[in-house]
Amino acid sequence: MAKEKNINLVKQLHHIWNTGEVDLIPQVYAESFIVHWAKGWGPESNGLTEIKNSILDTRNIFENWHEEVIDLIADGEKVVSRYISTGVHRQEYLGIPATGKKIEFQEISIYRIDDNKIAVQWCLGDDLHLLSQIKS
C-alpha cells in the first residue's frame, strides 16, 4: 500500500510540473523540501517557495513544458522516475537567448518520501543533449 501511495505522490509531482498548478505544492512537497539539481542547473533549492519559483521559471523558459513519465520504481521510502521533458525555448536559458526551438531530453529523479510528502529530490538530466538542441 505504501509503495502505491508513494508512486501516486510522484505522479502528482509530475502533474504539477506539467500543468503549473502550483497551488497543489503543499499537498505534495514537504515544507522543508530540498531539491539537488543536476550540477549544470545551479545550486539546490529549499522549501516550498523555491520549488514554486523553479516550476514557474521552467514553464516560462520552456513553453508547454511537459514531463512524460516512462518508468516509476518504488522501494521503501524512495521512488525513482525516468521521464522525457519537452517544451519550446521561449526565454533565455543558461545565457542562451530564446530560440523558439522545441527541446526534448531525458531526466531521472530520485525522491525520498517522508510523512506522505516528498522531502528530498535528486535530479539528473541529459544537459548536453538539451544544450545541443538550443545552441545549433
C-alpha atoms as a PDB file:
ATOM      1  CA  MET A   1       0.000   0.000   0.000  1.00  0.00           C
ATOM      2  CA  ALA A   2       2.771   2.467   0.919  1.00  0.00           C
ATOM      3  CA  LYS A   3       4.518   1.678  -2.370  1.00  0.00           C
ATOM      4  CA  GLU A   4       1.454   2.676  -4.428  1.00  0.00           C
ATOM      5  CA  LYS A   5       0.910   5.753  -2.260  1.00  0.00           C
ATOM      6  CA  ASN A   6       4.497   6.894  -2.870  1.00  0.00           C
ATOM      7  CA  ILE A   7       4.213   6.279  -6.617  1.00  0.00           C
ATOM      8  CA  ASN A   8       0.984   8.297  -6.738  1.00  0.00           C
ATOM      9  CA  LEU A   9       2.698  11.135  -4.867  1.00  0.00           C
ATOM     10  CA  VAL A  10       5.427  11.304  -7.523  1.00  0.00           C
ATOM     11  CA  LYS A  11       2.757  11.205 -10.245  1.00  0.00           C
ATOM     12  CA  GLN A  12       1.179  14.240  -8.555  1.00  0.00           C
ATOM     13  CA  LEU A  13       4.560  15.986  -8.595  1.00  0.00           C
ATOM     14  CA  HIS A  14       4.845  15.457 -12.362  1.00  0.00           C
ATOM     15  CA  HIS A  15       1.250  16.710 -12.728  1.00  0.00           C
ATOM     16  CA  ILE A  16       2.228  19.983 -11.021  1.00  0.00           C
ATOM     17  CA  TRP A  17       5.219  20.420 -13.344  1.00  0.00           C
ATOM     18  CA  ASN A  18       3.045  19.610 -16.384  1.00  0.00           C
ATOM     19  CA  THR A  19       0.165  21.920 -15.531  1.00  0.00           C
ATOM     20  CA  GLY A  20       1.734  24.691 -13.447  1.00  0.00           C
ATOM     21  CA  GLU A  21      -0.883  24.100 -10.728  1.00  0.00           C
ATOM     22  CA  VAL A  22       1.474  25.384  -8.036  1.00  0.00           C
ATOM     23  CA  ASP A  23      -1.363  25.679  -5.506  1.00  0.00           C
ATOM     24  CA  LEU A  24      -1.042  21.869  -5.171  1.00  0.00           C
ATOM     25  CA  ILE A  25       2.580  22.111  -3.958  1.00  0.00           C
ATOM     26  CA  PRO A  26       1.778  21.898  -0.202  1.00  0.00           C
ATOM     27  CA  GLN A  27      -0.102  18.628  -0.781  1.00  0.00           C
ATOM     28  CA  VAL A  28       2.913  17.001  -2.440  1.00  0.00           C
ATOM     29  CA  TYR A  29       6.106  18.619  -1.149  1.00  0.00           C
ATOM     30  CA  ALA A  30       7.265  18.774   2.488  1.00  0.00           C
ATOM     31  CA  GLU A  31       7.731  22.300   3.872  1.00  0.00           C
ATOM     32  CA  SER A  32      11.449  21.610   4.316  1.00  0.00           C
ATOM     33  CA  PHE A  33      11.769  20.120   0.806  1.00  0.00           C
ATOM     34  CA  ILE A  34      15.244  20.147  -0.785  1.00  0.00           C
ATOM     35  CA  VAL A  35      15.983  19.507  -4.453  1.00  0.00           C
ATOM     36  CA  HIS A  36      19.527  18.772  -5.566  1.00  0.00           C
ATOM     37  CA  TRP A  37      19.562  19.903  -9.197  1.00  0.00           C
ATOM     38  CA  ALA A  38      21.922  18.491 -11.793  1.00  0.00           C
ATOM     39  CA  LYS A  39      25.223  20.373 -11.385  1.00  0.00           C
ATOM     40  CA  GLY A  40      24.758  22.492 -14.517  1.00  0.00           C
ATOM     41  CA  TRP A  41      21.367  23.754 -13.359  1.00  0.00           C
ATOM     42  CA  GLY A  42      22.550  25.617 -10.280  1.00  0.00           C
ATOM     43  CA  PRO A  43      22.523  25.205  -6.520  1.00  0.00           C
ATOM     44  CA  GLU A  44      19.932  23.240  -4.583  1.00  0.00           C
ATOM     45  CA  SER A  45      16.519  24.738  -3.905  1.00  0.00           C
ATOM     46  CA  ASN A  46      14.979  24.701  -0.438  1.00  0.00           C
ATOM     47  CA  GLY A  47      11.370  24.976   0.672  1.00  0.00           C
ATOM     48  CA  LEU A  48       8.017  25.433  -0.989  1.00  0.00           C
ATOM     49  CA  THR A  49       8.606  28.956  -2.295  1.00  0.00           C
ATOM     50  CA  GLU A  50      11.794  27.990  -4.110  1.00  0.00           C
ATOM     51  CA  ILE A  51      10.234  24.918  -5.743  1.00  0.00           C
ATOM     52  CA  LYS A  52       7.244  27.023  -6.795  1.00  0.00           C
ATOM     53  CA  ASN A  53       9.613  29.553  -8.384  1.00  0.00           C
ATOM     54  CA  SER A  54      11.560  26.767 -10.111  1.00  0.00           C
ATOM     55  CA  ILE A  55       8.392  25.295 -11.601  1.00  0.00           C
ATOM     56  CA  LEU A  56       7.105  28.657 -12.813  1.00  0.00           C
ATOM     57  CA  ASP A  57      10.517  29.711 -14.176  1.00  0.00           C
ATOM     58  CA  THR A  58      10.933  26.424 -16.068  1.00  0.00           C
ATOM     59  CA  ARG A  59       7.444  26.690 -17.537  1.00  0.00           C
ATOM     60  CA  ASN A  60       8.178  30.274 -18.653  1.00  0.00           C
ATOM     61  CA  ILE A  61      11.562  29.474 -20.179  1.00  0.00           C
ATOM     62  CA  PHE A  62      10.217  26.358 -21.907  1.00  0.00           C
ATOM     63  CA  GLU A  63       6.670  26.970 -23.071  1.00  0.00           C
ATOM     64  CA  ASN A  64       4.359  23.925 -22.942  1.00  0.00           C
ATOM     65  CA  TRP A  65       6.718  22.172 -20.512  1.00  0.00           C
ATOM     66  CA  HIS A  66       5.752  18.533 -20.210  1.00  0.00           C
ATOM     67  CA  GLU A  67       7.260  15.557 -18.402  1.00  0.00           C
ATOM     68  CA  GLU A  68       6.229  12.201 -19.841  1.00  0.00           C
ATOM     69  CA  VAL A  69       6.891   9.552 -17.218  1.00  0.00           C
ATOM     70  CA  ILE A  70       8.454   6.418 -18.707  1.00  0.00           C
ATOM     71  CA  ASP A  71       9.316   4.467 -15.545  1.00  0.00           C
ATOM     72  CA  LEU A  72       8.400   4.651 -11.859  1.00  0.00           C
ATOM     73  CA  ILE A  73      10.179   2.383  -9.397  1.00  0.00           C
ATOM     74  CA  ALA A  74       9.483   2.390  -5.663  1.00  0.00           C
ATOM     75  CA  ASP A  75      11.325   0.752  -2.806  1.00  0.00           C
ATOM     76  CA  GLY A  76      10.708   1.704   0.801  1.00  0.00           C
ATOM     77  CA  GLU A  77      10.855   5.460   1.249  1.00  0.00           C
ATOM     78  CA  LYS A  78      12.341   6.103  -2.213  1.00  0.00           C
ATOM     79  CA  VAL A  79      10.806   6.447  -5.673  1.00  0.00           C
ATOM     80  CA  VAL A  80      12.706   6.831  -8.946  1.00  0.00           C
ATOM     81  CA  SER A  81      11.147   8.332 -12.054  1.00  0.00           C
ATOM     82  CA  ARG A  82      12.601   8.344 -15.552  1.00  0.00           C
ATOM     83  CA  TYR A  83      10.911  10.825 -17.836  1.00  0.00           C
ATOM     84  CA  ILE A  84      11.186  12.764 -21.072  1.00  0.00           C
ATOM     85  CA  SER A  85      10.885  16.529 -20.719  1.00  0.00           C
ATOM     86  CA  THR A  86       9.752  18.659 -23.638  1.00  0.00           C
ATOM     87  CA  GLY A  87       8.985  22.308 -24.289  1.00  0.00           C
ATOM     88  CA  VAL A  88       9.694  25.270 -26.552  1.00  0.00           C
ATOM     89  CA  HIS A  89      12.647  27.524 -25.684  1.00  0.00           C
ATOM     90  CA  ARG A  90      10.942  30.947 -25.230  1.00  0.00           C
ATOM     91  CA  GLN A  91      13.237  32.771 -22.777  1.00  0.00           C
ATOM     92  CA  GLU A  92      16.959  32.951 -22.020  1.00  0.00           C
ATOM     93  CA  TYR A  93      18.351  29.755 -20.525  1.00  0.00           C
ATOM     94  CA  LEU A  94      21.903  29.471 -19.150  1.00  0.00           C
ATOM     95  CA  GLY A  95      22.870  32.592 -21.094  1.00  0.00           C
ATOM     96  CA  ILE A  96      21.367  31.356 -24.380  1.00  0.00           C
ATOM     97  CA  PRO A  97      18.730  33.727 -25.774  1.00  0.00           C
ATOM     98  CA  ALA A  98      15.330  32.306 -26.705  1.00  0.00           C
ATOM     99  CA  THR A  99      15.463  30.312 -29.933  1.00  0.00           C
ATOM    100  CA  GLY A 100      11.873  29.144 -30.356  1.00  0.00           C
ATOM    101  CA  LYS A 101      13.221  25.605 -30.787  1.00  0.00           C
ATOM    102  CA  LYS A 102      11.463  22.570 -29.403  1.00  0.00           C
ATOM    103  CA  ILE A 103      13.532  20.658 -26.867  1.00  0.00           C
ATOM    104  CA  GLU A 104      13.309  17.059 -25.710  1.00  0.00           C
ATOM    105  CA  PHE A 105      15.645  15.372 -23.250  1.00  0.00           C
ATOM    106  CA  GLN A 106      15.664  12.608 -20.687  1.00  0.00           C
ATOM    107  CA  GLU A 107      15.760  13.037 -16.931  1.00  0.00           C
ATOM    108  CA  ILE A 108      15.920  10.772 -13.907  1.00  0.00           C
ATOM    109  CA  SER A 109      14.922  11.855 -10.416  1.00  0.00           C
ATOM    110  CA  ILE A 110      15.169  10.048  -7.106  1.00  0.00           C
ATOM    111  CA  TYR A 111      12.712  11.119  -4.410  1.00  0.00           C
ATOM    112  CA  ARG A 112      12.702  10.426  -0.683  1.00  0.00           C
ATOM    113  CA  ILE A 113       9.242  10.341   0.846  1.00  0.00           C
ATOM    114  CA  ASP A 114       8.759  11.336   4.478  1.00  0.00           C
ATOM    115  CA  ASP A 115       5.385  11.555   6.246  1.00  0.00           C
ATOM    116  CA  ASN A 116       3.493  11.190   2.929  1.00  0.00           C
ATOM    117  CA  LYS A 117       5.270  14.128   1.276  1.00  0.00           C
ATOM    118  CA  ILE A 118       8.306  14.467  -0.949  1.00  0.00           C
ATOM    119  CA  ALA A 119      11.161  15.576   1.309  1.00  0.00           C
ATOM    120  CA  VAL A 120      14.199  15.358  -0.995  1.00  0.00           C
ATOM    121  CA  GLN A 121      14.774  15.091  -4.740  1.00  0.00           C
ATOM    122  CA  TRP A 122      17.992  14.367  -6.639  1.00  0.00           C
ATOM    123  CA  CYS A 123      17.882  15.233 -10.370  1.00  0.00           C
ATOM    124  CA  LEU A 124      19.965  14.123 -13.293  1.00  0.00           C
ATOM    125  CA  GLY A 125      19.263  15.356 -16.797  1.00  0.00           C
ATOM    126  CA  ASP A 126      20.909  14.991 -20.187  1.00  0.00           C
ATOM    127  CA  ASP A 127      22.312  18.545 -20.156  1.00  0.00           C
ATOM    128  CA  LEU A 128      24.471  18.120 -23.245  1.00  0.00           C
ATOM    129  CA  HIS A 129      21.562  16.916 -25.347  1.00  0.00           C
ATOM    130  CA  LEU A 130      19.357  19.790 -24.146  1.00  0.00           C
ATOM    131  CA  LEU A 131      22.032  22.398 -24.893  1.00  0.00           C
ATOM    132  CA  SER A 132      22.811  20.897 -28.305  1.00  0.00           C
ATOM    133  CA  GLN A 133      19.183  21.453 -29.292  1.00  0.00           C
ATOM    134  CA  ILE A 134      19.135  25.171 -28.468  1.00  0.00           C
ATOM    135  CA  LYS A 135      22.708  26.035 -29.487  1.00  0.00           C
ATOM    136  CA  SER A 136      22.570  24.634 -33.015  1.00  0.00           C
END
